[in-house]
Amino acid sequence: MNIEDFRDYCLLKPGVTEETPFGPETLVFKAGGKVFALTDIDTFGSINLKCDPERAAELRDEYDYVLPGYHMNKKHWNTVRIGTGVTDPQLRELIDHSYDLIIASLPKAKRTELLAG
């Protein structure tokens, strides 16, 4: 997956916005005002994704390209290194998981509004 495919995939999801709140080099995707994915625009060497804590630990144990979230809460975030073995379908599933966690954390009214889009 390249950065254009990553961006397009994230933006297909209902209610997603893209921003650069940490500077022009960091592309951030949000749903309902909450971050679910971010990456370095220039290198696209990795993606930070939210993850269920138990699953995050399992993924880190199973795959050497999944690390504790760089500059993030290590319990709830993973950094997935691009070009080191992660397949496109697996990466899409991890993006979906991150997005779903954010959506589930929103108040019901906001979630309904966002998904009705």
PDB file of N, CA and C in Angstrom:
ATOM      1  N   MET A   1       0.853  -1.173   0.000  1.00  0.00           N
ATOM      2  CA  MET A   1       0.000   0.000   0.000  1.00  0.00           C
ATOM      3  C   MET A   1       0.897   1.233   0.000  1.00  0.00           C
ATOM      4  N   ASN A   2       0.568   2.171  -0.849  1.00  0.00           N
ATOM      5  CA  ASN A   2       1.291   3.435  -0.843  1.00  0.00           C
ATOM      6  C   ASN A   2       0.459   4.490  -0.122  1.00  0.00           C
ATOM      7  N   ILE A   3       1.021   5.672   0.046  1.00  0.00           N
ATOM      8  CA  ILE A   3       0.331   6.692   0.840  1.00  0.00           C
ATOM      9  C   ILE A   3      -0.977   7.141   0.185  1.00  0.00           C
ATOM     10  N   GLU A   4      -1.042   7.148  -1.140  1.00  0.00           N
ATOM     11  CA  GLU A   4      -2.280   7.547  -1.810  1.00  0.00           C
ATOM     12  C   GLU A   4      -3.390   6.532  -1.553  1.00  0.00           C
ATOM     13  N   ASP A   5      -3.047   5.236  -1.619  1.00  0.00           N
ATOM     14  CA  ASP A   5      -4.030   4.189  -1.330  1.00  0.00           C
ATOM     15  C   ASP A   5      -4.487   4.261   0.129  1.00  0.00           C
ATOM     16  N   PHE A   6      -3.532   4.490   1.030  1.00  0.00           N
ATOM     17  CA  PHE A   6      -3.847   4.634   2.455  1.00  0.00           C
ATOM     18  C   PHE A   6      -4.812   5.799   2.667  1.00  0.00           C
ATOM     19  N   ARG A   7      -4.495   6.940   2.090  1.00  0.00           N
ATOM     20  CA  ARG A   7      -5.329   8.135   2.232  1.00  0.00           C
ATOM     21  C   ARG A   7      -6.724   7.875   1.672  1.00  0.00           C
ATOM     22  N   ASP A   8      -6.790   7.328   0.468  1.00  0.00           N
ATOM     23  CA  ASP A   8      -8.093   7.050  -0.154  1.00  0.00           C
ATOM     24  C   ASP A   8      -8.914   6.090   0.689  1.00  0.00           C
ATOM     25  N   TYR A   9      -8.276   5.067   1.231  1.00  0.00           N
ATOM     26  CA  TYR A   9      -8.999   4.081   2.036  1.00  0.00           C
ATOM     27  C   TYR A   9      -9.568   4.731   3.297  1.00  0.00           C
ATOM     28  N   CYS A  10      -8.764   5.534   3.966  1.00  0.00           N
ATOM     29  CA  CYS A  10      -9.241   6.205   5.186  1.00  0.00           C
ATOM     30  C   CYS A  10     -10.400   7.151   4.877  1.00  0.00           C
ATOM     31  N   LEU A  11     -10.294   7.887   3.787  1.00  0.00           N
ATOM     32  CA  LEU A  11     -11.324   8.876   3.450  1.00  0.00           C
ATOM     33  C   LEU A  11     -12.623   8.259   2.947  1.00  0.00           C
ATOM     34  N   LEU A  12     -12.621   6.971   2.608  1.00  0.00           N
ATOM     35  CA  LEU A  12     -13.857   6.290   2.210  1.00  0.00           C
ATOM     36  C   LEU A  12     -14.800   6.086   3.388  1.00  0.00           C
ATOM     37  N   LYS A  13     -14.269   6.118   4.587  1.00  0.00           N
ATOM     38  CA  LYS A  13     -15.061   5.830   5.782  1.00  0.00           C
ATOM     39  C   LYS A  13     -15.932   7.039   6.135  1.00  0.00           C
ATOM     40  N   PRO A  14     -17.148   6.781   6.605  1.00  0.00           N
ATOM     41  CA  PRO A  14     -18.057   7.884   6.935  1.00  0.00           C
ATOM     42  C   PRO A  14     -17.487   8.823   8.001  1.00  0.00           C
ATOM     43  N   GLY A  15     -17.616  10.121   7.730  1.00  0.00           N
ATOM     44  CA  GLY A  15     -17.267  11.130   8.721  1.00  0.00           C
ATOM     45  C   GLY A  15     -15.789  11.375   8.945  1.00  0.00           C
ATOM     46  N   VAL A  16     -14.935  10.857   8.080  1.00  0.00           N
ATOM     47  CA  VAL A  16     -13.491  11.007   8.277  1.00  0.00           C
ATOM     48  C   VAL A  16     -13.006  12.342   7.735  1.00  0.00           C
ATOM     49  N   THR A  17     -12.136  12.973   8.515  1.00  0.00           N
ATOM     50  CA  THR A  17     -11.456  14.188   8.087  1.00  0.00           C
ATOM     51  C   THR A  17      -9.957  13.939   8.119  1.00  0.00           C
ATOM     52  N   GLU A  18      -9.232  14.695   7.309  1.00  0.00           N
ATOM     53  CA  GLU A  18      -7.774  14.624   7.349  1.00  0.00           C
ATOM     54  C   GLU A  18      -7.240  15.991   7.761  1.00  0.00           C
ATOM     55  N   GLU A  19      -6.200  15.962   8.581  1.00  0.00           N
ATOM     56  CA  GLU A  19      -5.631  17.193   9.109  1.00  0.00           C
ATOM     57  C   GLU A  19      -4.123  17.028   9.249  1.00  0.00           C
ATOM     58  N   THR A  20      -3.463  18.143   9.539  1.00  0.00           N
ATOM     59  CA  THR A  20      -2.034  18.119   9.853  1.00  0.00           C
ATOM     60  C   THR A  20      -1.792  18.931  11.128  1.00  0.00           C
ATOM     61  N   PRO A  21      -2.382  18.528  12.252  1.00  0.00           N
ATOM     62  CA  PRO A  21      -2.297  19.316  13.487  1.00  0.00           C
ATOM     63  C   PRO A  21      -0.912  19.308  14.144  1.00  0.00           C
ATOM     64  N   PHE A  22      -0.069  18.356  13.770  1.00  0.00           N
ATOM     65  CA  PHE A  22       1.259  18.250  14.377  1.00  0.00           C
ATOM     66  C   PHE A  22       2.345  18.799  13.467  1.00  0.00           C
ATOM     67  N   GLY A  23       1.955  19.484  12.417  1.00  0.00           N
ATOM     68  CA  GLY A  23       2.899  20.022  11.450  1.00  0.00           C
ATOM     69  C   GLY A  23       2.635  19.435  10.083  1.00  0.00           C
ATOM     70  N   PRO A  24       3.230  20.026   9.048  1.00  0.00           N
ATOM     71  CA  PRO A  24       2.926  19.623   7.671  1.00  0.00           C
ATOM     72  C   PRO A  24       3.408  18.226   7.296  1.00  0.00           C
ATOM     73  N   GLU A  25       4.268  17.635   8.118  1.00  0.00           N
ATOM     74  CA  GLU A  25       4.800  16.311   7.776  1.00  0.00           C
ATOM     75  C   GLU A  25       3.958  15.157   8.314  1.00  0.00           C
ATOM     76  N   THR A  26       3.005  15.423   9.212  1.00  0.00           N
ATOM     77  CA  THR A  26       2.221  14.347   9.821  1.00  0.00           C
ATOM     78  C   THR A  26       0.766  14.428   9.382  1.00  0.00           C
ATOM     79  N   LEU A  27       0.336  13.427   8.633  1.00  0.00           N
ATOM     80  CA  LEU A  27      -1.035  13.343   8.149  1.00  0.00           C
ATOM     81  C   LEU A  27      -1.863  12.565   9.161  1.00  0.00           C
ATOM     82  N   VAL A  28      -2.947  13.187   9.629  1.00  0.00           N
ATOM     83  CA  VAL A  28      -3.787  12.617  10.676  1.00  0.00           C
ATOM     84  C   VAL A  28      -5.208  12.445  10.150  1.00  0.00           C
ATOM     85  N   PHE A  29      -5.781  11.268  10.426  1.00  0.00           N
ATOM     86  CA  PHE A  29      -7.174  10.999  10.067  1.00  0.00           C
ATOM     87  C   PHE A  29      -7.993  10.883  11.338  1.00  0.00           C
ATOM     88  N   LYS A  30      -9.145  11.581  11.333  1.00  0.00           N
ATOM     89  CA  LYS A  30     -10.019  11.611  12.502  1.00  0.00           C
ATOM     90  C   LYS A  30     -11.437  11.226  12.095  1.00  0.00           C
ATOM     91  N   ALA A  31     -12.160  10.699  13.078  1.00  0.00           N
ATOM     92  CA  ALA A  31     -13.593  10.453  12.942  1.00  0.00           C
ATOM     93  C   ALA A  31     -14.238  11.008  14.201  1.00  0.00           C
ATOM     94  N   GLY A  32     -15.201  11.873  14.049  1.00  0.00           N
ATOM     95  CA  GLY A  32     -15.833  12.476  15.206  1.00  0.00           C
ATOM     96  C   GLY A  32     -14.863  13.285  16.052  1.00  0.00           C
ATOM     97  N   GLY A  33     -13.835  13.824  15.424  1.00  0.00           N
ATOM     98  CA  GLY A  33     -12.845  14.626  16.141  1.00  0.00           C
ATOM     99  C   GLY A  33     -11.776  13.825  16.852  1.00  0.00           C
ATOM    100  N   LYS A  34     -11.816  12.497  16.730  1.00  0.00           N
ATOM    101  CA  LYS A  34     -10.838  11.631  17.397  1.00  0.00           C
ATOM    102  C   LYS A  34      -9.925  10.962  16.378  1.00  0.00           C
ATOM    103  N   VAL A  35      -8.637  10.936  16.693  1.00  0.00           N
ATOM    104  CA  VAL A  35      -7.635  10.357  15.801  1.00  0.00           C
ATOM    105  C   VAL A  35      -7.776   8.838  15.748  1.00  0.00           C
ATOM    106  N   PHE A  36      -7.715   8.285  14.524  1.00  0.00           N
ATOM    107  CA  PHE A  36      -7.662   6.831  14.397  1.00  0.00           C
ATOM    108  C   PHE A  36      -6.465   6.362  13.569  1.00  0.00           C
ATOM    109  N   ALA A  37      -5.805   7.269  12.844  1.00  0.00           N
ATOM    110  CA  ALA A  37      -4.631   6.891  12.059  1.00  0.00           C
ATOM    111  C   ALA A  37      -3.769   8.118  11.797  1.00  0.00           C
ATOM    112  N   LEU A  38      -2.453   7.903  11.815  1.00  0.00           N
ATOM    113  CA  LEU A  38      -1.539   8.978  11.441  1.00  0.00           C
ATOM    114  C   LEU A  38      -0.258   8.396  10.867  1.00  0.00           C
ATOM    115  N   THR A  39       0.373   9.195   9.992  1.00  0.00           N
ATOM    116  CA  THR A  39       1.597   8.762   9.323  1.00  0.00           C
ATOM    117  C   THR A  39       2.427   9.966   8.922  1.00  0.00           C
ATOM    118  N   ASP A  40       3.684   9.729   8.630  1.00  0.00           N
ATOM    119  CA  ASP A  40       4.577  10.747   8.109  1.00  0.00           C
ATOM    120  C   ASP A  40       4.347  10.849   6.598  1.00  0.00           C
ATOM    121  N   ILE A  41       3.992  12.033   6.136  1.00  0.00           N
ATOM    122  CA  ILE A  41       3.674  12.238   4.720  1.00  0.00           C
ATOM    123  C   ILE A  41       4.897  11.988   3.840  1.00  0.00           C
ATOM    124  N   ASP A  42       6.056  12.410   4.296  1.00  0.00           N
ATOM    125  CA  ASP A  42       7.260  12.335   3.468  1.00  0.00           C
ATOM    126  C   ASP A  42       7.804  10.919   3.318  1.00  0.00           C
ATOM    127  N   THR A  43       7.820  10.149   4.409  1.00  0.00           N
ATOM    128  CA  THR A  43       8.443   8.826   4.345  1.00  0.00           C
ATOM    129  C   THR A  43       7.451   7.687   4.191  1.00  0.00           C
ATOM    130  N   PHE A  44       6.253   7.843   4.730  1.00  0.00           N
ATOM    131  CA  PHE A  44       5.246   6.779   4.791  1.00  0.00           C
ATOM    132  C   PHE A  44       5.901   5.446   5.177  1.00  0.00           C
ATOM    133  N   GLY A  45       6.739   5.515   6.210  1.00  0.00           N
ATOM    134  CA  GLY A  45       7.434   4.326   6.690  1.00  0.00           C
ATOM    135  C   GLY A  45       6.649   3.521   7.697  1.00  0.00           C
ATOM    136  N   SER A  46       5.641   4.162   8.296  1.00  0.00           N
ATOM    137  CA  SER A  46       4.821   3.478   9.295  1.00  0.00           C
ATOM    138  C   SER A  46       3.510   4.222   9.467  1.00  0.00           C
ATOM    139  N   ILE A  47       2.558   3.528  10.103  1.00  0.00           N
ATOM    140  CA  ILE A  47       1.250   4.112  10.410  1.00  0.00           C
ATOM    141  C   ILE A  47       0.954   3.805  11.872  1.00  0.00           C
ATOM    142  N   ASN A  48       0.515   4.806  12.616  1.00  0.00           N
ATOM    143  CA  ASN A  48       0.039   4.581  13.980  1.00  0.00           C
ATOM    144  C   ASN A  48      -1.465   4.350  13.920  1.00  0.00           C
ATOM    145  N   LEU A  49      -1.898   3.257  14.562  1.00  0.00           N
ATOM    146  CA  LEU A  49      -3.316   2.883  14.570  1.00  0.00           C
ATOM    147  C   LEU A  49      -3.751   2.491  15.975  1.00  0.00           C
ATOM    148  N   LYS A  50      -4.941   2.913  16.335  1.00  0.00           N
ATOM    149  CA  LYS A  50      -5.510   2.527  17.620  1.00  0.00           C
ATOM    150  C   LYS A  50      -5.825   1.031  17.578  1.00  0.00           C
ATOM    151  N   CYS A  51      -5.729   0.373  18.747  1.00  0.00           N
ATOM    152  CA  CYS A  51      -5.959  -1.067  18.789  1.00  0.00           C
ATOM    153  C   CYS A  51      -6.431  -1.473  20.182  1.00  0.00           C
ATOM    154  N   ASP A  52      -7.321  -2.436  20.229  1.00  0.00           N
ATOM    155  CA  ASP A  52      -7.728  -3.031  21.495  1.00  0.00           C
ATOM    156  C   ASP A  52      -6.459  -3.504  22.219  1.00  0.00           C
ATOM    157  N   PRO A  53      -6.283  -3.175  23.510  1.00  0.00           N
ATOM    158  CA  PRO A  53      -5.036  -3.505  24.201  1.00  0.00           C
ATOM    159  C   PRO A  53      -4.628  -4.973  24.147  1.00  0.00           C
ATOM    160  N   GLU A  54      -5.565  -5.878  24.315  1.00  0.00           N
ATOM    161  CA  GLU A  54      -5.236  -7.304  24.276  1.00  0.00           C
ATOM    162  C   GLU A  54      -4.782  -7.711  22.872  1.00  0.00           C
ATOM    163  N   ARG A  55      -5.494  -7.233  21.887  1.00  0.00           N
ATOM    164  CA  ARG A  55      -5.133  -7.546  20.500  1.00  0.00           C
ATOM    165  C   ARG A  55      -3.812  -6.884  20.124  1.00  0.00           C
ATOM    166  N   ALA A  56      -3.569  -5.682  20.638  1.00  0.00           N
ATOM    167  CA  ALA A  56      -2.311  -4.982  20.351  1.00  0.00           C
ATOM    168  C   ALA A  56      -1.123  -5.825  20.791  1.00  0.00           C
ATOM    169  N   ALA A  57      -1.213  -6.377  21.982  1.00  0.00           N
ATOM    170  CA  ALA A  57      -0.124  -7.217  22.497  1.00  0.00           C
ATOM    171  C   ALA A  57       0.053  -8.472  21.651  1.00  0.00           C
ATOM    172  N   GLU A  58      -1.053  -9.071  21.242  1.00  0.00           N
ATOM    173  CA  GLU A  58      -0.980 -10.274  20.399  1.00  0.00           C
ATOM    174  C   GLU A  58      -0.322  -9.973  19.059  1.00  0.00           C
ATOM    175  N   LEU A  59      -0.697  -8.859  18.449  1.00  0.00           N
ATOM    176  CA  LEU A  59      -0.115  -8.485  17.154  1.00  0.00           C
ATOM    177  C   LEU A  59       1.388  -8.240  17.277  1.00  0.00           C
ATOM    178  N   ARG A  60       1.799  -7.585  18.352  1.00  0.00           N
ATOM    179  CA  ARG A  60       3.231  -7.311  18.560  1.00  0.00           C
ATOM    180  C   ARG A  60       4.016  -8.599  18.756  1.00  0.00           C
ATOM    181  N   ASP A  61       3.400  -9.570  19.429  1.00  0.00           N
ATOM    182  CA  ASP A  61       4.062 -10.861  19.634  1.00  0.00           C
ATOM    183  C   ASP A  61       4.174 -11.650  18.330  1.00  0.00           C
ATOM    184  N   GLU A  62       3.158 -11.529  17.488  1.00  0.00           N
ATOM    185  CA  GLU A  62       3.094 -12.330  16.275  1.00  0.00           C
ATOM    186  C   GLU A  62       3.873 -11.740  15.090  1.00  0.00           C
ATOM    187  N   TYR A  63       3.903 -10.414  14.978  1.00  0.00           N
ATOM    188  CA  TYR A  63       4.498  -9.778  13.805  1.00  0.00           C
ATOM    189  C   TYR A  63       5.600  -8.806  14.213  1.00  0.00           C
ATOM    190  N   ASP A  64       6.762  -8.925  13.581  1.00  0.00           N
ATOM    191  CA  ASP A  64       7.855  -8.022  13.922  1.00  0.00           C
ATOM    192  C   ASP A  64       7.658  -6.622  13.343  1.00  0.00           C
ATOM    193  N   TYR A  65       6.692  -6.454  12.450  1.00  0.00           N
ATOM    194  CA  TYR A  65       6.416  -5.131  11.889  1.00  0.00           C
ATOM    195  C   TYR A  65       5.345  -4.364  12.674  1.00  0.00           C
ATOM    196  N   VAL A  66       4.861  -4.934  13.767  1.00  0.00           N
ATOM    197  CA  VAL A  66       3.917  -4.246  14.643  1.00  0.00           C
ATOM    198  C   VAL A  66       4.634  -3.947  15.950  1.00  0.00           C
ATOM    199  N   LEU A  67       4.716  -2.661  16.280  1.00  0.00           N
ATOM    200  CA  LEU A  67       5.446  -2.188  17.457  1.00  0.00           C
ATOM    201  C   LEU A  67       4.520  -1.363  18.343  1.00  0.00           C
ATOM    202  N   PRO A  68       4.904  -1.153  19.614  1.00  0.00           N
ATOM    203  CA  PRO A  68       4.123  -0.226  20.444  1.00  0.00           C
ATOM    204  C   PRO A  68       4.061   1.148  19.769  1.00  0.00           C
ATOM    205  N   GLY A  69       2.955   1.822  19.907  1.00  0.00           N
ATOM    206  CA  GLY A  69       2.733   3.099  19.223  1.00  0.00           C
ATOM    207  C   GLY A  69       3.799   4.141  19.507  1.00  0.00           C
ATOM    208  N   TYR A  70       4.447   4.601  18.460  1.00  0.00           N
ATOM    209  CA  TYR A  70       5.487   5.617  18.562  1.00  0.00           C
ATOM    210  C   TYR A  70       4.853   6.949  18.944  1.00  0.00           C
ATOM    211  N   HIS A  71       5.300   7.547  20.032  1.00  0.00           N
ATOM    212  CA  HIS A  71       4.778   8.813  20.565  1.00  0.00           C
ATOM    213  C   HIS A  71       3.292   8.742  20.927  1.00  0.00           C
ATOM    214  N   MET A  72       2.813   7.527  21.228  1.00  0.00           N
ATOM    215  CA  MET A  72       1.398   7.341  21.560  1.00  0.00           C
ATOM    216  C   MET A  72       1.305   6.509  22.833  1.00  0.00           C
ATOM    217  N   ASN A  73       0.102   6.362  23.364  1.00  0.00           N
ATOM    218  CA  ASN A  73      -0.130   5.488  24.503  1.00  0.00           C
ATOM    219  C   ASN A  73       0.141   4.056  24.045  1.00  0.00           C
ATOM    220  N   LYS A  74       1.166   3.445  24.597  1.00  0.00           N
ATOM    221  CA  LYS A  74       1.633   2.131  24.138  1.00  0.00           C
ATOM    222  C   LYS A  74       0.611   1.023  24.377  1.00  0.00           C
ATOM    223  N   LYS A  75      -0.307   1.256  25.294  1.00  0.00           N
ATOM    224  CA  LYS A  75      -1.326   0.240  25.584  1.00  0.00           C
ATOM    225  C   LYS A  75      -2.400   0.201  24.491  1.00  0.00           C
ATOM    226  N   HIS A  76      -2.716   1.359  23.930  1.00  0.00           N
ATOM    227  CA  HIS A  76      -3.846   1.471  23.007  1.00  0.00           C
ATOM    228  C   HIS A  76      -3.466   1.740  21.551  1.00  0.00           C
ATOM    229  N   TRP A  77      -2.179   1.896  21.273  1.00  0.00           N
ATOM    230  CA  TRP A  77      -1.756   2.238  19.918  1.00  0.00           C
ATOM    231  C   TRP A  77      -0.618   1.340  19.460  1.00  0.00           C
ATOM    232  N   ASN A  78      -0.646   0.987  18.183  1.00  0.00           N
ATOM    233  CA  ASN A  78       0.438   0.250  17.539  1.00  0.00           C
ATOM    234  C   ASN A  78       1.010   1.095  16.409  1.00  0.00           C
ATOM    235  N   THR A  79       2.276   0.893  16.154  1.00  0.00           N
ATOM    236  CA  THR A  79       2.913   1.419  14.960  1.00  0.00           C
ATOM    237  C   THR A  79       3.148   0.234  14.031  1.00  0.00           C
ATOM    238  N   VAL A  80       2.613   0.331  12.830  1.00  0.00           N
ATOM    239  CA  VAL A  80       2.767  -0.732  11.835  1.00  0.00           C
ATOM    240  C   VAL A  80       3.756  -0.224  10.791  1.00  0.00           C
ATOM    241  N   ARG A  81       4.874  -0.925  10.668  1.00  0.00           N
ATOM    242  CA  ARG A  81       5.903  -0.520   9.707  1.00  0.00           C
ATOM    243  C   ARG A  81       5.511  -0.991   8.301  1.00  0.00           C
ATOM    244  N   ILE A  82       5.552  -0.071   7.369  1.00  0.00           N
ATOM    245  CA  ILE A  82       5.179  -0.333   5.980  1.00  0.00           C
ATOM    246  C   ILE A  82       6.380  -0.934   5.242  1.00  0.00           C
ATOM    247  N   GLY A  83       6.093  -1.869   4.329  1.00  0.00           N
ATOM    248  CA  GLY A  83       7.140  -2.449   3.499  1.00  0.00           C
ATOM    249  C   GLY A  83       7.988  -3.490   4.202  1.00  0.00           C
ATOM    250  N   THR A  84       7.489  -4.011   5.318  1.00  0.00           N
ATOM    251  CA  THR A  84       8.269  -4.983   6.092  1.00  0.00           C
ATOM    252  C   THR A  84       7.512  -6.292   6.295  1.00  0.00           C
ATOM    253  N   GLY A  85       6.489  -6.514   5.485  1.00  0.00           N
ATOM    254  CA  GLY A  85       5.761  -7.773   5.579  1.00  0.00           C
ATOM    255  C   GLY A  85       4.265  -7.640   5.721  1.00  0.00           C
ATOM    256  N   VAL A  86       3.774  -6.498   6.169  1.00  0.00           N
ATOM    257  CA  VAL A  86       2.330  -6.338   6.321  1.00  0.00           C
ATOM    258  C   VAL A  86       1.694  -6.328   4.928  1.00  0.00           C
ATOM    259  N   THR A  87       0.636  -7.116   4.759  1.00  0.00           N
ATOM    260  CA  THR A  87      -0.063  -7.169   3.473  1.00  0.00           C
ATOM    261  C   THR A  87      -1.118  -6.067   3.414  1.00  0.00           C
ATOM    262  N   ASP A  88      -1.519  -5.698   2.214  1.00  0.00           N
ATOM    263  CA  ASP A  88      -2.559  -4.680   2.063  1.00  0.00           C
ATOM    264  C   ASP A  88      -3.864  -5.088   2.742  1.00  0.00           C
ATOM    265  N   PRO A  89      -4.340  -6.336   2.567  1.00  0.00           N
ATOM    266  CA  PRO A  89      -5.573  -6.725   3.259  1.00  0.00           C
ATOM    267  C   PRO A  89      -5.438  -6.648   4.790  1.00  0.00           C
ATOM    268  N   GLN A  90      -4.292  -7.049   5.312  1.00  0.00           N
ATOM    269  CA  GLN A  90      -4.093  -6.968   6.760  1.00  0.00           C
ATOM    270  C   GLN A  90      -4.070  -5.513   7.214  1.00  0.00           C
ATOM    271  N   LEU A  91      -3.414  -4.653   6.460  1.00  0.00           N
ATOM    272  CA  LEU A  91      -3.357  -3.239   6.820  1.00  0.00           C
ATOM    273  C   LEU A  91      -4.749  -2.615   6.779  1.00  0.00           C
ATOM    274  N   ARG A  92      -5.535  -2.948   5.772  1.00  0.00           N
ATOM    275  CA  ARG A  92      -6.914  -2.436   5.708  1.00  0.00           C
ATOM    276  C   ARG A  92      -7.720  -2.908   6.916  1.00  0.00           C
ATOM    277  N   GLU A  93      -7.523  -4.152   7.317  1.00  0.00           N
ATOM    278  CA  GLU A  93      -8.246  -4.668   8.488  1.00  0.00           C
ATOM    279  C   GLU A  93      -7.817  -3.930   9.759  1.00  0.00           C
ATOM    280  N   LEU A  94      -6.554  -3.620   9.896  1.00  0.00           N
ATOM    281  CA  LEU A  94      -6.073  -2.883  11.076  1.00  0.00           C
ATOM    282  C   LEU A  94      -6.591  -1.446  11.077  1.00  0.00           C
ATOM    283  N   ILE A  95      -6.686  -0.840   9.901  1.00  0.00           N
ATOM    284  CA  ILE A  95      -7.279   0.497   9.790  1.00  0.00           C
ATOM    285  C   ILE A  95      -8.753   0.436  10.175  1.00  0.00           C
ATOM    286  N   ASP A  96      -9.473  -0.566   9.682  1.00  0.00           N
ATOM    287  CA  ASP A  96     -10.891  -0.741  10.023  1.00  0.00           C
ATOM    288  C   ASP A  96     -11.069  -0.886  11.534  1.00  0.00           C
ATOM    289  N   HIS A  97     -10.215  -1.693  12.160  1.00  0.00           N
ATOM    290  CA  HIS A  97     -10.292  -1.922  13.601  1.00  0.00           C
ATOM    291  C   HIS A  97     -10.098  -0.605  14.356  1.00  0.00           C
ATOM    292  N   SER A  98      -9.118   0.172  13.951  1.00  0.00           N
ATOM    293  CA  SER A  98      -8.842   1.450  14.592  1.00  0.00           C
ATOM    294  C   SER A  98     -10.044   2.393  14.448  1.00  0.00           C
ATOM    295  N   TYR A  99     -10.561   2.511  13.246  1.00  0.00           N
ATOM    296  CA  TYR A  99     -11.727   3.354  12.982  1.00  0.00           C
ATOM    297  C   TYR A  99     -12.929   2.890  13.821  1.00  0.00           C
ATOM    298  N   ASP A 100     -13.180   1.592  13.833  1.00  0.00           N
ATOM    299  CA  ASP A 100     -14.318   1.044  14.583  1.00  0.00           C
ATOM    300  C   ASP A 100     -14.209   1.345  16.080  1.00  0.00           C
ATOM    301  N   LEU A 101     -12.992   1.264  16.631  1.00  0.00           N
ATOM    302  CA  LEU A 101     -12.809   1.590  18.052  1.00  0.00           C
ATOM    303  C   LEU A 101     -13.157   3.046  18.337  1.00  0.00           C
ATOM    304  N   ILE A 102     -12.745   3.927  17.451  1.00  0.00           N
ATOM    305  CA  ILE A 102     -13.046   5.356  17.630  1.00  0.00           C
ATOM    306  C   ILE A 102     -14.549   5.600  17.519  1.00  0.00           C
ATOM    307  N   ILE A 103     -15.166   5.023  16.520  1.00  0.00           N
ATOM    308  CA  ILE A 103     -16.609   5.195  16.336  1.00  0.00           C
ATOM    309  C   ILE A 103     -17.370   4.676  17.557  1.00  0.00           C
ATOM    310  N   ALA A 104     -16.980   3.520  18.071  1.00  0.00           N
ATOM    311  CA  ALA A 104     -17.655   2.937  19.231  1.00  0.00           C
ATOM    312  C   ALA A 104     -17.494   3.794  20.484  1.00  0.00           C
ATOM    313  N   SER A 105     -16.442   4.605  20.539  1.00  0.00           N
ATOM    314  CA  SER A 105     -16.200   5.429  21.729  1.00  0.00           C
ATOM    315  C   SER A 105     -16.993   6.738  21.713  1.00  0.00           C
ATOM    316  N   LEU A 106     -17.599   7.061  20.585  1.00  0.00           N
ATOM    317  CA  LEU A 106     -18.360   8.303  20.475  1.00  0.00           C
ATOM    318  C   LEU A 106     -19.720   8.167  21.158  1.00  0.00           C
ATOM    319  N   PRO A 107     -20.262   9.279  21.668  1.00  0.00           N
ATOM    320  CA  PRO A 107     -21.630   9.233  22.190  1.00  0.00           C
ATOM    321  C   PRO A 107     -22.590   8.776  21.094  1.00  0.00           C
ATOM    322  N   LYS A 108     -23.644   8.088  21.483  1.00  0.00           N
ATOM    323  CA  LYS A 108     -24.561   7.483  20.521  1.00  0.00           C
ATOM    324  C   LYS A 108     -25.093   8.487  19.500  1.00  0.00           C
ATOM    325  N   ALA A 109     -25.484   9.672  19.944  1.00  0.00           N
ATOM    326  CA  ALA A 109     -26.039  10.673  19.024  1.00  0.00           C
ATOM    327  C   ALA A 109     -25.002  11.094  17.995  1.00  0.00           C
ATOM    328  N   LYS A 110     -23.780  11.312  18.434  1.00  0.00           N
ATOM    329  CA  LYS A 110     -22.724  11.723  17.519  1.00  0.00           C
ATOM    330  C   LYS A 110     -22.368  10.592  16.550  1.00  0.00           C
ATOM    331  N   ARG A 111     -22.322   9.380  17.060  1.00  0.00           N
ATOM    332  CA  ARG A 111     -22.040   8.202  16.234  1.00  0.00           C
ATOM    333  C   ARG A 111     -23.099   8.044  15.153  1.00  0.00           C
ATOM    334  N   THR A 112     -24.365   8.165  15.528  1.00  0.00           N
ATOM    335  CA  THR A 112     -25.473   8.028  14.589  1.00  0.00           C
ATOM    336  C   THR A 112     -25.401   9.099  13.517  1.00  0.00           C
ATOM    337  N   GLU A 113     -25.138  10.338  13.931  1.00  0.00           N
ATOM    338  CA  GLU A 113     -25.020  11.458  13.000  1.00  0.00           C
ATOM    339  C   GLU A 113     -23.848  11.250  12.032  1.00  0.00           C
ATOM    340  N   LEU A 114     -22.742  10.815  12.551  1.00  0.00           N
ATOM    341  CA  LEU A 114     -21.542  10.603  11.745  1.00  0.00           C
ATOM    342  C   LEU A 114     -21.757   9.501  10.701  1.00  0.00           C
ATOM    343  N   LEU A 115     -22.341   8.402  11.130  1.00  0.00           N
ATOM    344  CA  LEU A 115     -22.536   7.279  10.230  1.00  0.00           C
ATOM    345  C   LEU A 115     -23.653   7.514   9.224  1.00  0.00           C
ATOM    346  N   ALA A 116     -24.581   8.404   9.564  1.00  0.00           N
ATOM    347  CA  ALA A 116     -25.674   8.751   8.634  1.00  0.00           C
ATOM    348  C   ALA A 116     -25.164   9.661   7.531  1.00  0.00           C
ATOM    349  N   GLY A 117     -24.065  10.387   7.857  1.00  0.00           N
ATOM    350  CA  GLY A 117     -23.315  11.240   6.985  1.00  0.00           C
ATOM    351  C   GLY A 117     -23.957  11.977   5.949  1.00  0.00           C
TER     352      GLY A 117
END
